[in-house]
PDB file of N, CA and C in Angstrom:
ATOM      1  N   MET A   1      -0.511 -37.725  34.275  1.00  0.00           N
ATOM      2  CA  MET A   1       0.456 -36.246  34.190  1.00  0.00           C
ATOM      3  C   MET A   1      -0.621 -35.235  34.159  1.00  0.00           C
ATOM      4  N   ARG A   2      -0.021 -34.556  35.448  1.00  0.00           N
ATOM      5  CA  ARG A   2      -0.970 -33.494  35.387  1.00  0.00           C
ATOM      6  C   ARG A   2      -0.303 -32.164  35.227  1.00  0.00           C
ATOM      7  N   SER A   3      -1.563 -31.430  34.692  1.00  0.00           N
ATOM      8  CA  SER A   3      -1.496 -30.244  33.908  1.00  0.00           C
ATOM      9  C   SER A   3      -1.610 -29.047  35.516  1.00  0.00           C
ATOM     10  N   ARG A   4      -0.777 -28.103  35.040  1.00  0.00           N
ATOM     11  CA  ARG A   4      -0.489 -26.845  36.418  1.00  0.00           C
ATOM     12  C   ARG A   4      -1.918 -25.788  35.894  1.00  0.00           C
ATOM     13  N   LYS A   5      -2.279 -25.799  35.145  1.00  0.00           N
ATOM     14  CA  LYS A   5      -3.401 -24.824  34.501  1.00  0.00           C
ATOM     15  C   LYS A   5      -4.381 -24.847  35.168  1.00  0.00           C
ATOM     16  N   ASN A   6      -4.794 -25.775  35.136  1.00  0.00           N
ATOM     17  CA  ASN A   6      -6.511 -25.883  35.245  1.00  0.00           C
ATOM     18  C   ASN A   6      -6.478 -27.478  36.291  1.00  0.00           C
ATOM     19  N   ASN A   7      -5.304 -27.916  36.930  1.00  0.00           N
ATOM     20  CA  ASN A   7      -4.849 -29.224  37.904  1.00  0.00           C
ATOM     21  C   ASN A   7      -6.029 -30.562  37.333  1.00  0.00           C
ATOM     22  N   THR A   8      -5.840 -30.677  36.107  1.00  0.00           N
ATOM     23  CA  THR A   8      -6.088 -31.987  35.692  1.00  0.00           C
ATOM     24  C   THR A   8      -5.194 -32.919  35.980  1.00  0.00           C
ATOM     25  N   THR A   9      -5.564 -34.183  35.550  1.00  0.00           N
ATOM     26  CA  THR A   9      -4.856 -35.330  35.580  1.00  0.00           C
ATOM     27  C   THR A   9      -5.544 -36.056  34.182  1.00  0.00           C
ATOM     28  N   LEU A  10      -4.272 -36.556  33.259  1.00  0.00           N
ATOM     29  CA  LEU A  10      -4.651 -37.087  32.161  1.00  0.00           C
ATOM     30  C   LEU A  10      -4.062 -38.742  32.460  1.00  0.00           C
ATOM     31  N   THR A  11      -4.890 -39.724  32.528  1.00  0.00           N
ATOM     32  CA  THR A  11      -4.280 -41.281  32.119  1.00  0.00           C
ATOM     33  C   THR A  11      -4.437 -41.458  30.884  1.00  0.00           C
ATOM     34  N   ARG A  12      -3.514 -42.261  30.418  1.00  0.00           N
ATOM     35  CA  ARG A  12      -3.421 -42.931  28.884  1.00  0.00           C
ATOM     36  C   ARG A  12      -3.792 -44.702  29.377  1.00  0.00           C
ATOM     37  N   LYS A  13      -4.464 -44.957  28.688  1.00  0.00           N
ATOM     38  CA  LYS A  13      -4.867 -46.433  28.653  1.00  0.00           C
ATOM     39  C   LYS A  13      -5.426 -47.047  27.647  1.00  0.00           C
ATOM     40  N   VAL A  14      -4.167 -48.268  27.427  1.00  0.00           N
ATOM     41  CA  VAL A  14      -4.084 -48.792  25.939  1.00  0.00           C
ATOM     42  C   VAL A  14      -5.347 -49.801  25.888  1.00  0.00           C
ATOM     43  N   ASP A  15      -6.200 -49.730  24.700  1.00  0.00           N
ATOM     44  CA  ASP A  15      -7.329 -50.830  24.623  1.00  0.00           C
ATOM     45  C   ASP A  15      -6.891 -52.253  24.926  1.00  0.00           C
ATOM     46  N   LYS A  16      -7.750 -53.101  25.412  1.00  0.00           N
ATOM     47  CA  LYS A  16      -7.535 -54.266  25.259  1.00  0.00           C
ATOM     48  C   LYS A  16      -7.674 -55.266  24.080  1.00  0.00           C
ATOM     49  N   TRP A  17      -8.408 -54.858  23.165  1.00  0.00           N
ATOM     50  CA  TRP A  17      -8.568 -55.299  21.594  1.00  0.00           C
ATOM     51  C   TRP A  17      -7.918 -54.597  20.515  1.00  0.00           C
ATOM     52  N   ASN A  18      -7.563 -53.264  20.654  1.00  0.00           N
ATOM     53  CA  ASN A  18      -6.740 -52.713  19.499  1.00  0.00           C
ATOM     54  C   ASN A  18      -5.851 -51.811  20.055  1.00  0.00           C
ATOM     55  N   ALA A  19      -4.740 -52.547  19.918  1.00  0.00           N
ATOM     56  CA  ALA A  19      -3.205 -51.674  20.393  1.00  0.00           C
ATOM     57  C   ALA A  19      -3.320 -50.350  19.928  1.00  0.00           C
ATOM     58  N   ARG A  20      -3.678 -50.079  18.732  1.00  0.00           N
ATOM     59  CA  ARG A  20      -3.411 -48.468  18.067  1.00  0.00           C
ATOM     60  C   ARG A  20      -4.363 -47.907  19.084  1.00  0.00           C
ATOM     61  N   LYS A  21      -5.582 -48.112  19.542  1.00  0.00           N
ATOM     62  CA  LYS A  21      -6.359 -47.276  20.116  1.00  0.00           C
ATOM     63  C   LYS A  21      -5.860 -46.871  21.758  1.00  0.00           C
ATOM     64  N   VAL A  22      -5.983 -45.962  22.266  1.00  0.00           N
ATOM     65  CA  VAL A  22      -5.570 -45.583  23.428  1.00  0.00           C
ATOM     66  C   VAL A  22      -6.674 -44.455  24.139  1.00  0.00           C
ATOM     67  N   TRP A  23      -7.217 -45.143  25.400  1.00  0.00           N
ATOM     68  CA  TRP A  23      -8.266 -43.990  25.974  1.00  0.00           C
ATOM     69  C   TRP A  23      -7.664 -43.161  26.667  1.00  0.00           C
ATOM     70  N   LEU A  24      -7.790 -42.087  26.401  1.00  0.00           N
ATOM     71  CA  LEU A  24      -7.648 -40.648  27.251  1.00  0.00           C
ATOM     72  C   LEU A  24      -8.482 -40.761  28.405  1.00  0.00           C
ATOM     73  N   ILE A  25      -8.380 -40.249  29.719  1.00  0.00           N
ATOM     74  CA  ILE A  25      -9.370 -40.370  30.519  1.00  0.00           C
ATOM     75  C   ILE A  25      -8.516 -39.056  31.432  1.00  0.00           C
ATOM     76  N   LYS A  26      -9.311 -38.038  31.400  1.00  0.00           N
ATOM     77  CA  LYS A  26      -9.067 -36.926  32.222  1.00  0.00           C
ATOM     78  C   LYS A  26     -10.246 -36.951  33.488  1.00  0.00           C
ATOM     79  N   ARG A  27      -9.442 -36.315  34.603  1.00  0.00           N
ATOM     80  CA  ARG A  27     -10.270 -36.436  35.993  1.00  0.00           C
ATOM     81  C   ARG A  27      -9.696 -34.944  36.389  1.00  0.00           C
ATOM     82  N   TYR A  28     -10.924 -34.029  36.449  1.00  0.00           N
ATOM     83  CA  TYR A  28     -11.043 -32.757  36.711  1.00  0.00           C
ATOM     84  C   TYR A  28     -10.695 -32.576  38.262  1.00  0.00           C
ATOM     85  N   ALA A  29     -10.268 -31.588  38.755  1.00  0.00           N
ATOM     86  CA  ALA A  29     -10.002 -31.137  40.163  1.00  0.00           C
ATOM     87  C   ALA A  29     -11.017 -31.337  41.205  1.00  0.00           C
ATOM     88  N   ASP A  30     -12.701 -30.638  40.476  1.00  0.00           N
ATOM     89  CA  ASP A  30     -13.517 -31.370  41.255  1.00  0.00           C
ATOM     90  C   ASP A  30     -14.186 -32.367  41.222  1.00  0.00           C
ATOM     91  N   GLY A  31     -13.468 -33.814  40.826  1.00  0.00           N
ATOM     92  CA  GLY A  31     -13.929 -34.965  40.496  1.00  0.00           C
ATOM     93  C   GLY A  31     -14.423 -35.412  39.575  1.00  0.00           C
ATOM     94  N   HIS A  32     -14.847 -34.487  38.395  1.00  0.00           N
ATOM     95  CA  HIS A  32     -15.827 -35.077  37.446  1.00  0.00           C
ATOM     96  C   HIS A  32     -14.698 -35.906  36.381  1.00  0.00           C
ATOM     97  N   TYR A  33     -14.674 -36.800  35.425  1.00  0.00           N
ATOM     98  CA  TYR A  33     -13.822 -37.137  34.275  1.00  0.00           C
ATOM     99  C   TYR A  33     -14.478 -37.124  33.249  1.00  0.00           C
ATOM    100  N   ALA A  34     -13.761 -37.234  32.212  1.00  0.00           N
ATOM    101  CA  ALA A  34     -14.038 -37.029  30.632  1.00  0.00           C
ATOM    102  C   ALA A  34     -12.977 -37.804  29.872  1.00  0.00           C
ATOM    103  N   ILE A  35     -13.758 -38.647  28.820  1.00  0.00           N
ATOM    104  CA  ILE A  35     -12.751 -39.724  27.944  1.00  0.00           C
ATOM    105  C   ILE A  35     -12.566 -38.833  26.673  1.00  0.00           C
ATOM    106  N   ASN A  36     -11.819 -39.430  26.034  1.00  0.00           N
ATOM    107  CA  ASN A  36     -11.394 -39.254  24.383  1.00  0.00           C
ATOM    108  C   ASN A  36     -10.810 -40.326  24.303  1.00  0.00           C
ATOM    109  N   GLN A  37     -10.537 -40.545  22.738  1.00  0.00           N
ATOM    110  CA  GLN A  37      -9.816 -41.864  21.927  1.00  0.00           C
ATOM    111  C   GLN A  37      -8.624 -41.315  21.388  1.00  0.00           C
ATOM    112  N   GLU A  38      -7.658 -41.899  21.442  1.00  0.00           N
ATOM    113  CA  GLU A  38      -6.315 -41.611  20.350  1.00  0.00           C
ATOM    114  C   GLU A  38      -6.355 -42.666  19.591  1.00  0.00           C
ATOM    115  N   VAL A  39      -6.569 -42.391  18.355  1.00  0.00           N
ATOM    116  CA  VAL A  39      -5.827 -43.586  17.198  1.00  0.00           C
ATOM    117  C   VAL A  39      -4.914 -43.583  16.478  1.00  0.00           C
ATOM    118  N   GLY A  40      -4.078 -44.329  16.450  1.00  0.00           N
ATOM    119  CA  GLY A  40      -2.534 -44.186  15.793  1.00  0.00           C
ATOM    120  C   GLY A  40      -2.193 -43.045  16.020  1.00  0.00           C
ATOM    121  N   GLY A  41      -2.065 -42.640  17.558  1.00  0.00           N
ATOM    122  CA  GLY A  41      -1.291 -41.677  17.805  1.00  0.00           C
ATOM    123  C   GLY A  41      -2.075 -39.935  17.603  1.00  0.00           C
ATOM    124  N   ARG A  42      -3.378 -40.106  17.047  1.00  0.00           N
ATOM    125  CA  ARG A  42      -3.948 -38.636  16.798  1.00  0.00           C
ATOM    126  C   ARG A  42      -5.662 -38.809  17.570  1.00  0.00           C
ATOM    127  N   VAL A  43      -5.934 -37.659  18.275  1.00  0.00           N
ATOM    128  CA  VAL A  43      -6.913 -37.709  18.953  1.00  0.00           C
ATOM    129  C   VAL A  43      -7.906 -37.920  18.255  1.00  0.00           C
ATOM    130  N   PHE A  44      -9.158 -38.900  17.989  1.00  0.00           N
ATOM    131  CA  PHE A  44      -9.920 -38.763  17.406  1.00  0.00           C
ATOM    132  C   PHE A  44     -11.392 -38.108  17.573  1.00  0.00           C
ATOM    133  N   TYR A  45     -11.759 -37.788  18.605  1.00  0.00           N
ATOM    134  CA  TYR A  45     -12.798 -36.717  19.075  1.00  0.00           C
ATOM    135  C   TYR A  45     -12.271 -35.173  19.203  1.00  0.00           C
ATOM    136  N   SER A  46     -12.603 -34.060  18.442  1.00  0.00           N
ATOM    137  CA  SER A  46     -12.286 -32.899  18.627  1.00  0.00           C
ATOM    138  C   SER A  46     -12.575 -32.388  20.662  1.00  0.00           C
ATOM    139  N   ARG A  47     -13.386 -33.273  21.078  1.00  0.00           N
ATOM    140  CA  ARG A  47     -13.501 -32.789  22.580  1.00  0.00           C
ATOM    141  C   ARG A  47     -13.549 -33.747  22.964  1.00  0.00           C
ATOM    142  N   PHE A  48     -13.511 -33.726  24.725  1.00  0.00           N
ATOM    143  CA  PHE A  48     -13.540 -34.876  25.615  1.00  0.00           C
ATOM    144  C   PHE A  48     -15.183 -35.039  26.240  1.00  0.00           C
ATOM    145  N   GLN A  49     -15.337 -36.250  26.081  1.00  0.00           N
ATOM    146  CA  GLN A  49     -16.800 -36.380  26.545  1.00  0.00           C
ATOM    147  C   GLN A  49     -17.086 -36.736  27.833  1.00  0.00           C
ATOM    148  N   ARG A  50     -18.041 -36.158  29.120  1.00  0.00           N
ATOM    149  CA  ARG A  50     -17.657 -36.530  30.373  1.00  0.00           C
ATOM    150  C   ARG A  50     -18.636 -37.762  30.370  1.00  0.00           C
ATOM    151  N   ALA A  51     -17.872 -38.408  31.514  1.00  0.00           N
ATOM    152  CA  ALA A  51     -18.233 -39.719  31.750  1.00  0.00           C
ATOM    153  C   ALA A  51     -18.619 -39.745  33.384  1.00  0.00           C
ATOM    154  N   THR A  52     -18.898 -41.058  33.965  1.00  0.00           N
ATOM    155  CA  THR A  52     -18.814 -41.550  35.259  1.00  0.00           C
ATOM    156  C   THR A  52     -17.783 -42.353  35.282  1.00  0.00           C
ATOM    157  N   LYS A  53     -17.446 -42.196  36.803  1.00  0.00           N
ATOM    158  CA  LYS A  53     -16.235 -43.441  37.328  1.00  0.00           C
ATOM    159  C   LYS A  53     -16.952 -44.836  36.878  1.00  0.00           C
ATOM    160  N   ALA A  54     -18.193 -45.183  36.986  1.00  0.00           N
ATOM    161  CA  ALA A  54     -19.015 -46.531  36.415  1.00  0.00           C
ATOM    162  C   ALA A  54     -19.091 -46.174  34.943  1.00  0.00           C
ATOM    163  N   GLN A  55     -19.203 -45.696  34.323  1.00  0.00           N
ATOM    164  CA  GLN A  55     -19.312 -45.778  32.813  1.00  0.00           C
ATOM    165  C   GLN A  55     -17.581 -46.176  32.324  1.00  0.00           C
ATOM    166  N   ILE A  56     -16.802 -45.516  33.065  1.00  0.00           N
ATOM    167  CA  ILE A  56     -15.226 -45.834  32.644  1.00  0.00           C
ATOM    168  C   ILE A  56     -14.977 -47.332  33.019  1.00  0.00           C
ATOM    169  N   ALA A  57     -15.469 -47.865  34.091  1.00  0.00           N
ATOM    170  CA  ALA A  57     -14.934 -48.903  34.793  1.00  0.00           C
ATOM    171  C   ALA A  57     -15.783 -50.294  33.680  1.00  0.00           C
ATOM    172  N   ALA A  58     -16.679 -49.996  33.003  1.00  0.00           N
ATOM    173  CA  ALA A  58     -17.683 -50.369  32.245  1.00  0.00           C
ATOM    174  C   ALA A  58     -16.681 -51.086  30.837  1.00  0.00           C
ATOM    175  N   ILE A  59     -16.174 -49.675  30.189  1.00  0.00           N
ATOM    176  CA  ILE A  59     -15.303 -49.659  29.243  1.00  0.00           C
ATOM    177  C   ILE A  59     -14.114 -50.860  29.444  1.00  0.00           C
ATOM    178  N   PHE A  60     -13.340 -51.003  30.567  1.00  0.00           N
ATOM    179  CA  PHE A  60     -12.438 -51.913  31.098  1.00  0.00           C
ATOM    180  C   PHE A  60     -12.871 -52.870  31.442  1.00  0.00           C
ATOM    181  N   ALA A  61     -13.881 -53.407  31.537  1.00  0.00           N
ATOM    182  CA  ALA A  61     -14.441 -54.608  31.978  1.00  0.00           C
ATOM    183  C   ALA A  61     -14.091 -55.811  31.504  1.00  0.00           C
ATOM    184  N   CYS A  62     -13.959 -56.925  31.797  1.00  0.00           N
ATOM    185  CA  CYS A  62     -13.464 -57.887  31.415  1.00  0.00           C
ATOM    186  C   CYS A  62     -14.657 -58.753  30.876  1.00  0.00           C
ATOM    187  N   CYS A  63     -14.871 -58.967  29.563  1.00  0.00           N
ATOM    188  CA  CYS A  63     -15.993 -59.483  28.905  1.00  0.00           C
ATOM    189  C   CYS A  63     -15.848 -60.875  28.529  1.00  0.00           C
TER     190      CYS A  63
END
């Protein structure tokens, strides 16, 4: 989903081990990323946390 206001893209990805947890990955127009979590339909943290592509890939890497 792309926001017109600040030109960001928000991607929702379901967690592998907990179906109630959804990772929210926001990509800004300048190329940086931020993540947050949604648990049971409610956003868990009040703010998005800045992350690199490598950190995001590590979260979803198969163990």
